[in-house]
Amino acid sequence: MTLFVDGAEASAADITSEEVGGTLSIGGSAVGANKFTGELDEFQVSNTARSDEWIAAAARSQGMVAPLVVYGGDTQKEGGGGESYFTTTLRNVTVDGWVVIGILVVMFFVSVIVMVGKALYLNRVVKGNAKFLAEFRKMSDDPAALERREAKKGGEEEESAFETGAESQMMSALTSRTETFGISTLWRLYHHGMRETMKRLEGQAAGAARVTSISPQSIAAIRSTMDASLTRMTQRLNSQMVLLTIAISGGPFLGLLGTFWTLVGLAFLAIVVLPMVKAYQGERYKLPIIGDLAEKQA
């Protein structure tokens, strides 16, 4: 006879087995004596000799922690040989799910392109403004000196490229000329205001008396020119922000498409099942709107 504890052999002794008959009593003798004191979880009797492996497997399958059989455990193989959760999820994505994923990927790249282009563009604007302010402070004795110097170089090409928005901001940030002040916003306001001012102060006919003051009407015209330039530059700086907002905030709403189609499927199922139930019960039932159309076609 062999004694096993937790599936492992603890003791063994040579005995001679005898014929066992009569009533099998558990926890005490047949006459009610020698009662067992303690807790007994499971008791098995077999008429066949069990192997050591069978006893060990039985012990591993019992108790609160049974490592032999695990329900709901991770079936993924260790060591990278199995399929990951991500791969399993992608393999089970439906067609409408792939459509949503494709739209999200496009929106992601659009938002990245807009953000990178906007960052590069604003960085060039900041550098251009800093360069303009440094040059303007050097010529603070004559506010028009910087305008006269740059007018000789011809800065109109840069100005039109900034304000018309003929190309993307990323291309402007990467290819814009930097001979003067790049894509500085302060330079544009200064240039437009000073140009209109110099027209009125230095644009008189030859031999005419030099103008030393500006009328209120001229000041209003100069202000309108600067306001128009500021509006165009503001629109240029804020361009593509709507597209970026849609790309970022529109993603979560795509998840509602699954809920929408689920509700549509449930409604269609109700439309199909309800008449079947009514017909089975021997009742005549007509669906709203659809029933009227069916009667007209009949």
Protein backbone atom coordinates (compact mmCIF):
# COMPACT_ATOMS: atom_id res chain seq x y z
CA MET A 1 0.00 0.00 0.00
CA THR A 2 1.30 3.47 -0.94
CA LEU A 3 0.35 6.76 0.74
CA PHE A 4 0.36 9.90 -1.43
CA VAL A 5 0.32 13.47 -0.07
CA ASP A 6 -0.45 16.27 -2.58
CA GLY A 7 0.12 13.84 -5.44
CA ALA A 8 3.58 12.80 -4.29
CA GLU A 9 4.45 9.44 -2.68
CA ALA A 10 4.90 9.93 1.07
CA SER A 11 5.11 6.34 2.36
CA ALA A 12 4.73 2.72 1.23
CA ALA A 13 4.37 -0.67 2.93
CA ASP A 14 4.04 -4.23 1.75
CA ILE A 15 0.67 -5.72 2.77
CA THR A 16 -1.45 -8.63 1.74
CA SER A 17 -4.82 -7.57 0.41
CA GLU A 18 -7.90 -9.41 1.57
CA GLU A 19 -11.35 -9.80 0.16
CA VAL A 20 -13.47 -6.83 1.14
CA GLY A 21 -17.20 -7.27 1.40
CA GLY A 22 -20.19 -6.02 3.29
CA THR A 23 -21.13 -2.42 3.85
CA LEU A 24 -18.60 0.33 3.12
CA SER A 25 -18.54 2.85 5.95
CA ILE A 26 -16.75 6.20 5.68
CA GLY A 27 -15.72 8.22 8.73
CA GLY A 28 -16.32 5.46 11.26
CA SER A 29 -16.77 1.74 11.81
CA ALA A 30 -19.86 -0.20 10.84
CA VAL A 31 -21.06 -0.18 14.44
CA GLY A 32 -20.60 3.61 14.75
CA ALA A 33 -17.31 3.60 16.63
CA ASN A 34 -13.94 5.14 15.81
CA LYS A 35 -15.51 8.16 14.17
CA PHE A 36 -13.37 10.46 12.00
CA THR A 37 -12.76 13.92 13.42
CA GLY A 38 -11.83 16.60 10.88
CA GLU A 39 -12.78 17.71 7.36
CA LEU A 40 -13.01 15.41 4.39
CA ASP A 41 -13.15 17.12 1.00
CA GLU A 42 -13.33 14.19 -1.39
CA PHE A 43 -13.28 10.41 -1.08
CA GLN A 44 -12.93 7.95 -3.95
CA VAL A 45 -12.98 4.15 -4.04
CA SER A 46 -11.80 2.26 -7.09
CA ASN A 47 -11.74 -1.45 -7.88
CA THR A 48 -8.70 -0.91 -10.10
CA ALA A 49 -5.14 -0.16 -9.06
CA ARG A 50 -4.25 3.39 -10.10
CA SER A 51 -0.82 4.40 -11.37
CA ASP A 52 1.34 7.01 -9.69
CA GLU A 53 0.72 9.41 -12.61
CA TRP A 54 -3.04 9.07 -12.23
CA ILE A 55 -2.83 9.86 -8.51
CA ALA A 56 -0.65 12.91 -9.20
CA ALA A 57 -3.05 14.17 -11.90
CA ALA A 58 -6.04 13.69 -9.58
CA ALA A 59 -4.30 15.68 -6.85
CA ARG A 60 -3.46 18.52 -9.27
CA SER A 61 -7.07 18.73 -10.42
CA GLN A 62 -8.47 19.20 -6.90
CA GLY A 63 -8.45 22.07 -4.42
CA MET A 64 -9.02 25.82 -4.64
CA VAL A 65 -6.00 26.24 -6.88
CA ALA A 66 -6.07 23.55 -9.55
CA PRO A 67 -3.21 24.15 -11.99
CA LEU A 68 -4.15 21.13 -14.09
CA VAL A 69 -7.24 22.77 -15.64
CA VAL A 70 -7.68 26.54 -15.95
CA TYR A 71 -10.91 28.04 -17.25
CA GLY A 72 -10.79 31.35 -19.11
CA GLY A 73 -7.01 31.61 -18.99
CA ASP A 74 -4.77 33.07 -21.64
CA THR A 75 -4.28 30.54 -24.43
CA GLN A 76 -1.55 32.57 -26.06
CA LYS A 77 1.72 30.70 -26.30
CA GLU A 78 4.69 32.19 -24.54
CA GLY A 79 7.94 33.06 -26.24
CA GLY A 80 6.37 34.90 -29.19
CA GLY A 81 5.12 31.78 -30.90
CA GLY A 82 1.41 32.60 -30.53
CA GLU A 83 -0.85 35.22 -32.03
CA SER A 84 -1.03 38.54 -30.20
CA TYR A 85 -4.21 40.27 -29.12
CA PHE A 86 -3.61 43.03 -31.66
CA THR A 87 -3.31 40.56 -34.54
CA THR A 88 -6.39 38.69 -33.38
CA THR A 89 -8.37 41.93 -33.20
CA LEU A 90 -7.33 43.03 -36.69
CA ARG A 91 -8.13 39.61 -38.08
CA ASN A 92 -11.69 39.88 -36.78
CA VAL A 93 -12.40 43.45 -37.88
CA THR A 94 -15.45 43.73 -40.14
CA VAL A 95 -15.66 45.67 -43.41
CA ASP A 96 -17.29 48.72 -41.83
CA GLY A 97 -14.61 48.61 -39.13
CA TRP A 98 -11.87 48.76 -41.78
CA VAL A 99 -13.66 51.72 -43.38
CA VAL A 100 -13.63 53.58 -40.06
CA ILE A 101 -9.96 52.66 -39.47
CA GLY A 102 -9.06 53.91 -42.95
CA ILE A 103 -10.83 57.23 -42.34
CA LEU A 104 -9.07 57.59 -38.98
CA VAL A 105 -5.68 56.94 -40.59
CA VAL A 106 -6.33 59.62 -43.22
CA MET A 107 -7.48 62.07 -40.55
CA PHE A 108 -4.36 61.29 -38.50
CA PHE A 109 -1.99 62.07 -41.37
CA VAL A 110 -3.94 65.21 -42.26
CA SER A 111 -3.71 66.49 -38.68
CA VAL A 112 0.01 65.69 -38.48
CA ILE A 113 0.72 67.49 -41.77
CA VAL A 114 -1.27 70.54 -40.70
CA MET A 115 0.36 70.69 -37.26
CA VAL A 116 3.90 70.29 -38.61
CA GLY A 117 3.28 72.85 -41.34
CA LYS A 118 1.73 75.28 -38.87
CA ALA A 119 4.64 74.89 -36.45
CA LEU A 120 7.25 75.49 -39.16
CA TYR A 121 5.30 78.43 -40.53
CA LEU A 122 4.86 80.16 -37.17
CA ASN A 123 8.53 79.56 -36.38
CA ARG A 124 9.49 81.40 -39.57
CA VAL A 125 7.09 84.23 -38.68
CA VAL A 126 8.67 84.61 -35.22
CA LYS A 127 12.17 84.67 -36.68
CA GLY A 128 11.13 87.19 -39.33
CA ASN A 129 9.54 89.47 -36.74
CA ALA A 130 12.64 89.32 -34.54
CA LYS A 131 14.85 90.22 -37.49
CA PHE A 132 12.60 93.11 -38.47
CA LEU A 133 12.52 94.55 -34.94
CA ALA A 134 16.31 94.38 -34.72
CA GLU A 135 16.70 96.30 -38.01
CA PHE A 136 13.97 98.78 -37.11
CA ARG A 137 15.64 99.68 -33.80
CA LYS A 138 18.90 100.41 -35.62
CA MET A 139 17.11 103.01 -37.77
CA SER A 140 14.81 104.44 -35.12
CA ASP A 141 15.97 107.99 -35.90
CA ASP A 142 14.23 107.85 -39.30
CA PRO A 143 11.12 105.60 -39.34
CA ALA A 144 11.02 105.65 -43.15
CA ALA A 145 14.69 104.68 -43.64
CA LEU A 146 13.98 100.96 -43.51
CA GLU A 147 11.17 101.30 -46.03
CA ARG A 148 13.38 103.26 -48.44
CA ARG A 149 16.16 100.69 -48.15
CA GLU A 150 13.91 97.69 -48.74
CA ALA A 151 12.00 99.43 -51.55
CA LYS A 152 15.22 99.49 -53.55
CA LYS A 153 15.62 95.71 -53.12
CA GLY A 154 12.05 94.95 -54.19
CA GLY A 155 10.21 93.02 -51.50
CA GLU A 156 6.84 92.78 -53.27
CA GLU A 157 7.35 89.16 -54.34
CA GLU A 158 7.67 87.97 -50.74
CA GLU A 159 4.70 90.05 -49.72
CA SER A 160 2.37 88.61 -52.32
CA ALA A 161 3.48 85.05 -51.54
CA PHE A 162 2.60 85.57 -47.87
CA GLU A 163 -0.78 87.19 -48.34
CA THR A 164 -2.32 85.46 -51.34
CA GLY A 165 -1.95 81.97 -49.88
CA ALA A 166 -1.20 80.45 -53.29
CA GLU A 167 0.79 77.63 -51.68
CA SER A 168 0.56 75.62 -48.48
CA GLN A 169 2.03 76.95 -45.27
CA MET A 170 4.48 74.06 -45.08
CA MET A 171 5.83 74.91 -48.56
CA SER A 172 5.98 78.58 -47.64
CA ALA A 173 7.89 77.74 -44.47
CA LEU A 174 10.34 75.50 -46.33
CA THR A 175 10.86 77.50 -49.56
CA SER A 176 10.18 81.14 -48.59
CA ARG A 177 12.94 83.59 -49.39
CA THR A 178 14.87 85.04 -46.47
CA GLU A 179 16.93 87.84 -48.06
CA THR A 180 15.08 90.43 -45.97
CA PHE A 181 12.58 89.49 -43.24
CA GLY A 182 11.20 86.19 -44.48
CA ILE A 183 7.49 85.95 -43.71
CA SER A 184 7.40 88.55 -40.95
CA THR A 185 3.95 89.94 -40.14
CA LEU A 186 5.31 93.10 -38.51
CA TRP A 187 7.26 93.93 -41.63
CA ARG A 188 4.11 93.72 -43.76
CA LEU A 189 2.17 96.07 -41.50
CA TYR A 190 5.08 98.50 -41.37
CA HIS A 191 5.61 98.30 -45.13
CA HIS A 192 1.98 98.95 -46.03
CA GLY A 193 1.52 101.76 -43.53
CA MET A 194 4.79 103.48 -44.40
CA ARG A 195 4.22 103.09 -48.14
CA GLU A 196 0.84 104.81 -47.93
CA THR A 197 2.31 107.51 -45.70
CA MET A 198 5.23 108.21 -48.05
CA LYS A 199 2.85 108.46 -51.00
CA ARG A 200 1.15 111.37 -49.31
CA LEU A 201 4.30 113.03 -47.98
CA GLU A 202 6.70 112.55 -50.91
CA GLY A 203 4.41 111.95 -53.86
CA GLN A 204 3.62 115.57 -54.77
CA ALA A 205 4.45 116.97 -58.21
CA ALA A 206 7.83 118.55 -58.93
CA GLY A 207 8.05 122.11 -57.71
CA ALA A 208 5.11 121.72 -55.35
CA ALA A 209 5.44 122.63 -51.73
CA ARG A 210 6.55 119.72 -49.52
CA VAL A 211 3.71 118.22 -47.49
CA THR A 212 4.46 118.29 -43.79
CA SER A 213 1.14 117.05 -42.37
CA ILE A 214 -1.45 114.41 -43.19
CA SER A 215 -5.16 115.10 -43.27
CA PRO A 216 -7.63 113.04 -41.22
CA GLN A 217 -8.95 111.54 -44.45
CA SER A 218 -5.44 110.35 -45.37
CA ILE A 219 -4.94 108.87 -41.91
CA ALA A 220 -8.23 106.98 -42.27
CA ALA A 221 -7.11 105.67 -45.68
CA ILE A 222 -3.75 104.54 -44.26
CA ARG A 223 -5.53 102.82 -41.37
CA SER A 224 -7.87 101.03 -43.78
CA THR A 225 -4.90 99.77 -45.79
CA MET A 226 -3.23 98.43 -42.66
CA ASP A 227 -6.49 96.85 -41.45
CA ALA A 228 -6.91 95.10 -44.79
CA SER A 229 -3.33 93.81 -44.62
CA LEU A 230 -3.87 92.64 -41.03
CA THR A 231 -7.06 90.81 -42.03
CA ARG A 232 -5.34 89.01 -44.89
CA MET A 233 -2.44 87.97 -42.69
CA THR A 234 -4.78 86.78 -39.93
CA GLN A 235 -6.69 84.66 -42.41
CA ARG A 236 -3.41 83.24 -43.68
CA LEU A 237 -2.21 82.39 -40.17
CA ASN A 238 -5.54 80.79 -39.25
CA SER A 239 -5.90 78.84 -42.48
CA GLN A 240 -6.34 75.05 -42.21
CA MET A 241 -7.33 75.35 -38.55
CA VAL A 242 -10.87 74.21 -39.40
CA LEU A 243 -9.42 71.18 -41.17
CA LEU A 244 -7.24 70.42 -38.14
CA THR A 245 -10.22 70.77 -35.78
CA ILE A 246 -12.32 68.39 -37.87
CA ALA A 247 -9.48 65.85 -38.09
CA ILE A 248 -8.87 65.86 -34.32
CA SER A 249 -12.38 66.18 -32.91
CA GLY A 250 -14.14 64.16 -35.61
CA GLY A 251 -12.38 60.90 -34.81
CA PRO A 252 -14.39 59.96 -31.69
CA PHE A 253 -17.67 60.48 -33.51
CA LEU A 254 -16.74 57.80 -36.05
CA GLY A 255 -17.12 55.27 -33.26
CA LEU A 256 -20.81 56.13 -33.17
CA LEU A 257 -21.18 54.63 -36.63
CA GLY A 258 -21.07 51.16 -35.09
CA THR A 259 -23.82 52.10 -32.65
CA PHE A 260 -25.88 53.58 -35.47
CA TRP A 261 -25.69 50.46 -37.62
CA THR A 262 -26.47 48.32 -34.58
CA LEU A 263 -29.66 50.30 -33.99
CA VAL A 264 -30.54 50.03 -37.67
CA GLY A 265 -30.07 46.27 -37.51
CA LEU A 266 -32.24 45.95 -34.41
CA ALA A 267 -34.96 48.06 -36.03
CA PHE A 268 -34.87 45.91 -39.16
CA LEU A 269 -35.02 42.76 -37.03
CA ALA A 270 -38.06 44.12 -35.19
CA ILE A 271 -39.77 44.93 -38.49
CA VAL A 272 -39.22 41.37 -39.70
CA VAL A 273 -39.96 39.50 -36.47
CA LEU A 274 -43.03 41.43 -35.31
CA PRO A 275 -45.24 40.55 -38.34
CA MET A 276 -44.11 36.93 -38.08
CA VAL A 277 -45.20 36.79 -34.42
CA LYS A 278 -48.54 38.40 -35.23
CA ALA A 279 -49.12 35.98 -38.11
CA TYR A 280 -48.28 33.03 -35.88
CA GLN A 281 -50.86 34.25 -33.37
CA GLY A 282 -53.46 34.52 -36.13
CA GLU A 283 -53.64 38.30 -36.04
CA ARG A 284 -53.49 40.71 -38.95
CA TYR A 285 -50.87 43.39 -38.46
CA LYS A 286 -49.89 46.24 -40.76
CA LEU A 287 -46.63 48.12 -40.33
CA PRO A 288 -46.81 51.93 -40.34
CA ILE A 289 -46.02 53.54 -43.71
CA ILE A 290 -44.53 50.32 -45.11
CA GLY A 291 -47.88 48.55 -44.79
CA ASP A 292 -49.68 51.30 -46.73
CA LEU A 293 -47.10 51.12 -49.51
CA ALA A 294 -47.44 47.33 -49.66
CA GLU A 295 -51.24 47.56 -49.98
CA LYS A 296 -50.90 50.00 -52.85
CA GLN A 297 -48.52 47.69 -54.68
CA ALA A 298 -50.69 44.61 -54.09
